[in-house]
């Protein structure tokens, strides 16, 4: 059974759960070699299977936006990515506009979750979702 846990950006448990992933060369390659970052302004949504982290999306709260960026799901599991997005929408969607910096292979799953394209780059697409959109 998969459980999604939300953790504040400086929570000790967050570091215990995601440190092995965010320092893993395979996970960094998945993230196009961009390092993961966090601060007190972040909330991390971490998917666990038998208490083992299998994916996460860090969300930075900035003004009236919640920015999803530099995420990871094991095996590129799109169902898991969708589950994480649904959890974030349920938790933050009524309070913030959600803005995602999405890897181009994942645009379709974000669209299926109601996100709309704002801007396109070579490897990423900026997408947005706001309450009531879907």
N, C-alpha and C. Protein backbone atom coordinates (compact mmCIF):
# COMPACT_ATOMS: atom_id res chain seq x y z
N UNK A 1 0.83 -1.19 0.00
CA UNK A 1 0.00 0.00 0.00
C UNK A 1 0.88 1.26 0.00
N UNK A 2 0.50 2.21 -0.80
CA UNK A 2 1.26 3.46 -0.91
C UNK A 2 0.62 4.52 -0.02
N UNK A 3 1.47 5.21 0.71
CA UNK A 3 1.03 6.29 1.60
C UNK A 3 1.78 7.55 1.18
N UNK A 4 1.08 8.68 1.18
CA UNK A 4 1.73 9.96 0.86
C UNK A 4 1.77 10.79 2.13
N UNK A 5 2.97 11.24 2.46
CA UNK A 5 3.19 12.01 3.67
C UNK A 5 3.64 13.42 3.28
N UNK A 6 3.13 14.43 3.97
CA UNK A 6 3.62 15.80 3.72
C UNK A 6 4.54 16.19 4.87
N UNK A 7 5.67 16.78 4.52
CA UNK A 7 6.68 17.15 5.49
C UNK A 7 7.18 18.55 5.22
N UNK A 8 7.40 19.31 6.27
CA UNK A 8 7.96 20.65 6.12
C UNK A 8 9.40 20.56 5.60
N UNK A 9 9.82 21.58 4.91
CA UNK A 9 11.11 21.58 4.22
C UNK A 9 12.34 21.38 5.07
N UNK A 10 12.26 21.63 6.36
CA UNK A 10 13.43 21.44 7.23
C UNK A 10 13.19 20.33 8.27
N UNK A 11 12.14 19.54 8.09
CA UNK A 11 11.82 18.45 9.00
C UNK A 11 12.90 17.38 8.97
N UNK A 12 13.33 16.93 10.12
CA UNK A 12 14.37 15.89 10.22
C UNK A 12 13.94 14.63 9.50
N UNK A 13 12.68 14.26 9.61
CA UNK A 13 12.19 13.05 8.93
C UNK A 13 12.32 13.17 7.42
N UNK A 14 12.11 14.36 6.88
CA UNK A 14 12.28 14.58 5.44
C UNK A 14 13.69 14.19 5.02
N UNK A 15 14.68 14.68 5.75
CA UNK A 15 16.07 14.38 5.41
C UNK A 15 16.33 12.88 5.50
N UNK A 16 15.80 12.22 6.51
CA UNK A 16 15.99 10.78 6.66
C UNK A 16 15.38 10.02 5.48
N UNK A 17 14.23 10.47 5.03
CA UNK A 17 13.54 9.76 3.94
C UNK A 17 14.15 10.02 2.57
N UNK A 18 14.44 11.27 2.25
CA UNK A 18 14.82 11.58 0.87
C UNK A 18 16.32 11.70 0.61
N UNK A 19 17.12 11.80 1.65
CA UNK A 19 18.58 11.93 1.44
C UNK A 19 19.15 10.83 0.55
N UNK A 20 18.80 9.56 0.78
CA UNK A 20 19.36 8.52 -0.10
C UNK A 20 18.94 8.69 -1.56
N UNK A 21 17.77 9.28 -1.79
CA UNK A 21 17.31 9.48 -3.17
C UNK A 21 17.95 10.71 -3.80
N UNK A 22 17.94 11.84 -3.10
CA UNK A 22 18.40 13.08 -3.72
C UNK A 22 19.91 13.10 -3.96
N UNK A 23 20.62 12.17 -3.33
CA UNK A 23 22.06 12.07 -3.57
C UNK A 23 22.42 10.92 -4.50
N UNK A 24 21.42 10.20 -4.98
CA UNK A 24 21.62 9.06 -5.86
C UNK A 24 21.84 9.57 -7.29
N UNK A 25 22.95 9.19 -7.93
CA UNK A 25 23.21 9.66 -9.31
C UNK A 25 22.08 9.34 -10.29
N UNK A 26 21.40 8.19 -10.11
CA UNK A 26 20.29 7.82 -11.01
C UNK A 26 19.12 8.80 -10.85
N UNK A 27 18.85 9.17 -9.60
CA UNK A 27 17.76 10.10 -9.34
C UNK A 27 18.12 11.50 -9.85
N UNK A 28 19.37 11.88 -9.67
CA UNK A 28 19.82 13.18 -10.20
C UNK A 28 19.70 13.22 -11.72
N UNK A 29 20.05 12.13 -12.40
CA UNK A 29 19.89 12.07 -13.86
C UNK A 29 18.42 12.22 -14.25
N UNK A 30 17.53 11.59 -13.48
CA UNK A 30 16.08 11.71 -13.72
C UNK A 30 15.68 13.18 -13.68
N UNK A 31 16.35 13.94 -12.84
CA UNK A 31 16.06 15.36 -12.65
C UNK A 31 16.96 16.22 -13.54
N UNK A 32 17.47 15.65 -14.62
CA UNK A 32 18.35 16.36 -15.56
C UNK A 32 19.55 17.00 -14.86
N UNK A 33 20.04 16.31 -13.82
CA UNK A 33 21.23 16.70 -13.06
C UNK A 33 21.08 18.00 -12.28
N UNK A 34 19.86 18.45 -12.10
CA UNK A 34 19.64 19.62 -11.22
C UNK A 34 19.57 19.13 -9.79
N UNK A 35 20.26 19.79 -8.88
CA UNK A 35 20.20 19.37 -7.47
C UNK A 35 18.84 19.71 -6.87
N UNK A 36 18.48 18.98 -5.87
CA UNK A 36 17.24 19.24 -5.15
C UNK A 36 17.54 20.24 -4.04
N UNK A 37 16.58 21.11 -3.74
CA UNK A 37 16.78 22.08 -2.67
C UNK A 37 15.54 22.15 -1.81
N UNK A 38 15.73 22.71 -0.62
CA UNK A 38 14.62 22.87 0.30
C UNK A 38 14.91 24.03 1.24
N UNK A 39 13.88 24.50 1.90
CA UNK A 39 14.00 25.55 2.91
C UNK A 39 12.72 25.51 3.74
N UNK A 40 12.59 26.45 4.65
CA UNK A 40 11.38 26.50 5.48
C UNK A 40 10.14 26.82 4.64
N UNK A 41 10.32 27.31 3.42
CA UNK A 41 9.19 27.64 2.54
C UNK A 41 8.69 26.45 1.72
N UNK A 42 9.26 25.28 1.94
CA UNK A 42 8.89 24.10 1.16
C UNK A 42 8.01 23.16 1.98
N UNK A 43 7.13 22.49 1.27
CA UNK A 43 6.41 21.32 1.79
C UNK A 43 6.71 20.20 0.80
N UNK A 44 7.18 19.08 1.30
CA UNK A 44 7.50 17.94 0.46
C UNK A 44 6.40 16.90 0.59
N UNK A 45 5.93 16.39 -0.55
CA UNK A 45 4.97 15.30 -0.58
C UNK A 45 5.75 14.06 -0.99
N UNK A 46 5.86 13.12 -0.05
CA UNK A 46 6.70 11.95 -0.22
C UNK A 46 5.82 10.70 -0.25
N UNK A 47 5.94 9.92 -1.32
CA UNK A 47 5.20 8.66 -1.45
C UNK A 47 6.04 7.54 -0.85
N UNK A 48 5.40 6.75 0.00
CA UNK A 48 6.08 5.66 0.69
C UNK A 48 5.38 4.34 0.38
N UNK A 49 6.19 3.32 0.15
CA UNK A 49 5.69 1.96 0.03
C UNK A 49 6.44 1.14 1.08
N UNK A 50 5.72 0.61 2.06
CA UNK A 50 6.34 -0.10 3.18
C UNK A 50 7.42 0.75 3.85
N UNK A 51 7.12 2.03 4.06
CA UNK A 51 8.01 3.01 4.68
C UNK A 51 9.28 3.30 3.89
N UNK A 52 9.31 2.89 2.62
CA UNK A 52 10.43 3.20 1.73
C UNK A 52 9.98 4.27 0.75
N UNK A 53 10.73 5.38 0.66
CA UNK A 53 10.33 6.43 -0.28
C UNK A 53 10.48 5.97 -1.73
N UNK A 54 9.41 6.21 -2.50
CA UNK A 54 9.42 5.81 -3.91
C UNK A 54 9.14 6.99 -4.84
N UNK A 55 8.94 8.15 -4.27
CA UNK A 55 8.71 9.34 -5.07
C UNK A 55 8.44 10.53 -4.19
N UNK A 56 8.60 11.71 -4.78
CA UNK A 56 8.35 12.94 -4.02
C UNK A 56 8.17 14.12 -4.97
N UNK A 57 7.45 15.10 -4.48
CA UNK A 57 7.36 16.40 -5.15
C UNK A 57 7.55 17.47 -4.08
N UNK A 58 8.63 18.24 -4.19
CA UNK A 58 8.78 19.38 -3.29
C UNK A 58 7.96 20.56 -3.83
N UNK A 59 7.31 21.28 -2.93
CA UNK A 59 6.47 22.41 -3.31
C UNK A 59 6.95 23.63 -2.54
N UNK A 60 7.35 24.65 -3.26
CA UNK A 60 7.80 25.89 -2.62
C UNK A 60 6.63 26.87 -2.59
N UNK A 61 6.34 27.37 -1.39
CA UNK A 61 5.27 28.35 -1.23
C UNK A 61 5.89 29.74 -1.40
N UNK A 62 5.40 30.46 -2.42
CA UNK A 62 5.88 31.81 -2.71
C UNK A 62 4.68 32.70 -2.96
N UNK A 63 4.44 33.63 -2.07
CA UNK A 63 3.31 34.55 -2.20
C UNK A 63 2.01 33.77 -2.37
N UNK A 64 1.36 33.93 -3.50
CA UNK A 64 0.08 33.26 -3.73
C UNK A 64 0.23 32.03 -4.61
N UNK A 65 1.46 31.56 -4.79
CA UNK A 65 1.70 30.39 -5.63
C UNK A 65 2.38 29.28 -4.84
N UNK A 66 2.09 28.07 -5.26
CA UNK A 66 2.77 26.88 -4.77
C UNK A 66 3.48 26.28 -5.98
N UNK A 67 4.80 26.27 -5.95
CA UNK A 67 5.58 25.89 -7.12
C UNK A 67 6.12 24.47 -6.98
N UNK A 68 5.70 23.62 -7.91
CA UNK A 68 6.13 22.22 -7.95
C UNK A 68 7.31 22.14 -8.90
N UNK A 69 8.44 21.62 -8.42
CA UNK A 69 9.64 21.61 -9.24
C UNK A 69 10.58 20.52 -8.74
N UNK A 70 11.36 19.95 -9.63
CA UNK A 70 12.40 18.98 -9.28
C UNK A 70 11.84 17.78 -8.52
N UNK A 71 10.92 17.07 -9.14
CA UNK A 71 10.26 15.93 -8.54
C UNK A 71 10.90 14.62 -9.00
N UNK A 72 10.48 13.52 -8.37
CA UNK A 72 10.98 12.20 -8.73
C UNK A 72 9.93 11.15 -8.41
N UNK A 73 9.74 10.17 -9.31
CA UNK A 73 8.96 8.98 -9.02
C UNK A 73 9.72 7.77 -9.56
N UNK A 74 9.88 6.76 -8.70
CA UNK A 74 10.63 5.55 -9.07
C UNK A 74 10.00 4.89 -10.29
N UNK A 75 10.86 4.44 -11.19
CA UNK A 75 10.37 3.74 -12.38
C UNK A 75 9.55 4.60 -13.30
N UNK A 76 9.63 5.92 -13.11
CA UNK A 76 8.84 6.86 -13.90
C UNK A 76 7.36 6.47 -13.87
N UNK A 77 6.89 6.05 -12.70
CA UNK A 77 5.52 5.57 -12.50
C UNK A 77 4.53 6.74 -12.60
N UNK A 78 3.83 6.82 -13.71
CA UNK A 78 2.92 7.94 -13.95
C UNK A 78 1.69 7.91 -13.05
N UNK A 79 1.25 6.72 -12.65
CA UNK A 79 0.13 6.64 -11.71
C UNK A 79 0.53 7.24 -10.36
N UNK A 80 1.76 6.96 -9.94
CA UNK A 80 2.26 7.52 -8.68
C UNK A 80 2.39 9.03 -8.79
N UNK A 81 2.89 9.52 -9.92
CA UNK A 81 3.00 10.97 -10.14
C UNK A 81 1.61 11.60 -10.06
N UNK A 82 0.63 10.96 -10.67
CA UNK A 82 -0.74 11.47 -10.63
C UNK A 82 -1.27 11.48 -9.20
N UNK A 83 -1.00 10.43 -8.43
CA UNK A 83 -1.44 10.38 -7.03
C UNK A 83 -0.83 11.52 -6.22
N UNK A 84 0.44 11.80 -6.44
CA UNK A 84 1.10 12.90 -5.75
C UNK A 84 0.45 14.23 -6.13
N UNK A 85 0.17 14.41 -7.41
CA UNK A 85 -0.48 15.65 -7.86
C UNK A 85 -1.86 15.83 -7.23
N UNK A 86 -2.61 14.76 -7.16
CA UNK A 86 -3.95 14.82 -6.55
C UNK A 86 -3.85 15.20 -5.07
N UNK A 87 -2.88 14.65 -4.38
CA UNK A 87 -2.68 14.97 -2.97
C UNK A 87 -2.34 16.45 -2.79
N UNK A 88 -1.47 16.97 -3.64
CA UNK A 88 -1.08 18.38 -3.57
C UNK A 88 -2.26 19.28 -3.89
N UNK A 89 -3.03 18.93 -4.91
CA UNK A 89 -4.21 19.73 -5.26
C UNK A 89 -5.20 19.76 -4.09
N UNK A 90 -5.40 18.62 -3.45
CA UNK A 90 -6.35 18.55 -2.33
C UNK A 90 -5.84 19.37 -1.14
N UNK A 91 -4.55 19.33 -0.88
CA UNK A 91 -3.99 20.00 0.29
C UNK A 91 -3.80 21.50 0.09
N UNK A 92 -3.38 21.90 -1.10
CA UNK A 92 -2.97 23.30 -1.32
C UNK A 92 -3.82 24.05 -2.34
N UNK A 93 -4.57 23.33 -3.15
CA UNK A 93 -5.27 23.94 -4.28
C UNK A 93 -6.26 25.02 -3.94
N UNK A 94 -6.90 24.93 -2.78
CA UNK A 94 -7.87 25.95 -2.41
C UNK A 94 -7.21 27.23 -1.92
N UNK A 95 -5.92 27.16 -1.63
CA UNK A 95 -5.20 28.30 -1.04
C UNK A 95 -4.20 28.97 -1.99
N UNK A 96 -3.74 28.21 -2.99
CA UNK A 96 -2.68 28.71 -3.87
C UNK A 96 -2.96 28.31 -5.32
N UNK A 97 -2.45 29.11 -6.24
CA UNK A 97 -2.35 28.69 -7.63
C UNK A 97 -1.17 27.74 -7.68
N UNK A 98 -1.34 26.56 -8.28
CA UNK A 98 -0.26 25.61 -8.40
C UNK A 98 0.46 25.83 -9.73
N UNK A 99 1.76 25.98 -9.65
CA UNK A 99 2.58 26.20 -10.84
C UNK A 99 3.63 25.10 -10.90
N UNK A 100 3.69 24.38 -11.99
CA UNK A 100 4.63 23.28 -12.13
C UNK A 100 5.65 23.53 -13.20
N UNK A 101 6.89 23.20 -12.89
CA UNK A 101 7.94 23.14 -13.90
C UNK A 101 8.06 21.66 -14.22
N UNK A 102 7.52 21.27 -15.38
CA UNK A 102 7.26 19.88 -15.71
C UNK A 102 8.22 19.40 -16.78
N UNK A 103 8.78 18.21 -16.58
CA UNK A 103 9.60 17.61 -17.62
C UNK A 103 8.70 17.25 -18.80
N UNK A 104 9.16 17.50 -20.01
CA UNK A 104 8.29 17.31 -21.18
C UNK A 104 7.65 15.92 -21.27
N UNK A 105 8.32 14.83 -20.87
CA UNK A 105 7.64 13.53 -20.95
C UNK A 105 6.43 13.41 -20.00
N UNK A 106 6.31 14.33 -19.03
CA UNK A 106 5.24 14.23 -18.04
C UNK A 106 4.10 15.22 -18.27
N UNK A 107 4.16 15.97 -19.35
CA UNK A 107 3.13 16.98 -19.62
C UNK A 107 1.74 16.35 -19.65
N UNK A 108 1.61 15.21 -20.29
CA UNK A 108 0.29 14.58 -20.43
C UNK A 108 -0.33 14.25 -19.07
N UNK A 109 0.45 13.74 -18.14
CA UNK A 109 -0.11 13.38 -16.83
C UNK A 109 -0.51 14.63 -16.05
N UNK A 110 0.22 15.73 -16.22
CA UNK A 110 -0.17 16.99 -15.61
C UNK A 110 -1.45 17.51 -16.26
N UNK A 111 -1.55 17.41 -17.59
CA UNK A 111 -2.78 17.83 -18.28
C UNK A 111 -3.98 17.01 -17.79
N UNK A 112 -3.78 15.71 -17.61
CA UNK A 112 -4.86 14.86 -17.12
C UNK A 112 -5.30 15.26 -15.71
N UNK A 113 -4.42 15.96 -15.00
CA UNK A 113 -4.73 16.45 -13.66
C UNK A 113 -5.15 17.91 -13.67
N UNK A 114 -5.50 18.43 -14.86
CA UNK A 114 -6.08 19.76 -14.96
C UNK A 114 -5.10 20.92 -15.12
N UNK A 115 -3.82 20.63 -15.29
CA UNK A 115 -2.83 21.70 -15.48
C UNK A 115 -2.85 22.17 -16.93
N UNK A 116 -2.62 23.47 -17.13
CA UNK A 116 -2.57 24.06 -18.46
C UNK A 116 -1.17 24.61 -18.72
N UNK A 117 -0.74 24.52 -19.97
CA UNK A 117 0.57 25.02 -20.36
C UNK A 117 0.59 26.54 -20.37
N UNK A 118 1.64 27.10 -19.78
CA UNK A 118 1.85 28.54 -19.74
C UNK A 118 3.03 28.92 -20.65
N UNK A 119 4.09 28.11 -20.61
CA UNK A 119 5.29 28.40 -21.39
C UNK A 119 6.03 27.10 -21.65
N UNK A 120 6.64 26.99 -22.84
CA UNK A 120 7.39 25.78 -23.20
C UNK A 120 8.86 26.12 -23.43
N UNK A 121 9.73 25.23 -22.91
CA UNK A 121 11.15 25.28 -23.19
C UNK A 121 11.53 23.95 -23.84
N UNK A 122 12.80 23.71 -24.00
CA UNK A 122 13.25 22.47 -24.66
C UNK A 122 12.95 21.23 -23.81
N UNK A 123 13.34 21.24 -22.54
CA UNK A 123 13.18 20.07 -21.68
C UNK A 123 12.04 20.20 -20.67
N UNK A 124 11.49 21.40 -20.54
CA UNK A 124 10.49 21.64 -19.52
C UNK A 124 9.31 22.43 -20.06
N UNK A 125 8.19 22.33 -19.36
CA UNK A 125 7.01 23.10 -19.68
C UNK A 125 6.50 23.68 -18.37
N UNK A 126 6.23 24.97 -18.38
CA UNK A 126 5.64 25.61 -17.20
C UNK A 126 4.13 25.45 -17.31
N UNK A 127 3.55 24.86 -16.25
CA UNK A 127 2.11 24.58 -16.28
C UNK A 127 1.48 25.16 -15.01
N UNK A 128 0.15 25.37 -15.08
CA UNK A 128 -0.54 25.99 -13.96
C UNK A 128 -1.88 25.33 -13.74
N UNK A 129 -2.29 25.26 -12.48
CA UNK A 129 -3.60 24.77 -12.09
C UNK A 129 -4.13 25.68 -11.00
N UNK A 130 -5.39 26.04 -11.10
CA UNK A 130 -6.00 26.83 -10.03
C UNK A 130 -7.33 26.20 -9.65
N UNK A 131 -7.74 26.42 -8.43
CA UNK A 131 -8.94 25.84 -7.86
C UNK A 131 -10.14 26.07 -8.78
N UNK A 132 -10.88 25.02 -9.00
CA UNK A 132 -12.05 25.12 -9.86
C UNK A 132 -11.74 24.78 -11.31
N UNK A 133 -10.43 24.67 -11.64
CA UNK A 133 -10.05 24.38 -13.03
C UNK A 133 -10.36 22.93 -13.40
N UNK A 134 -10.07 22.01 -12.49
CA UNK A 134 -10.35 20.58 -12.73
C UNK A 134 -10.05 19.79 -11.49
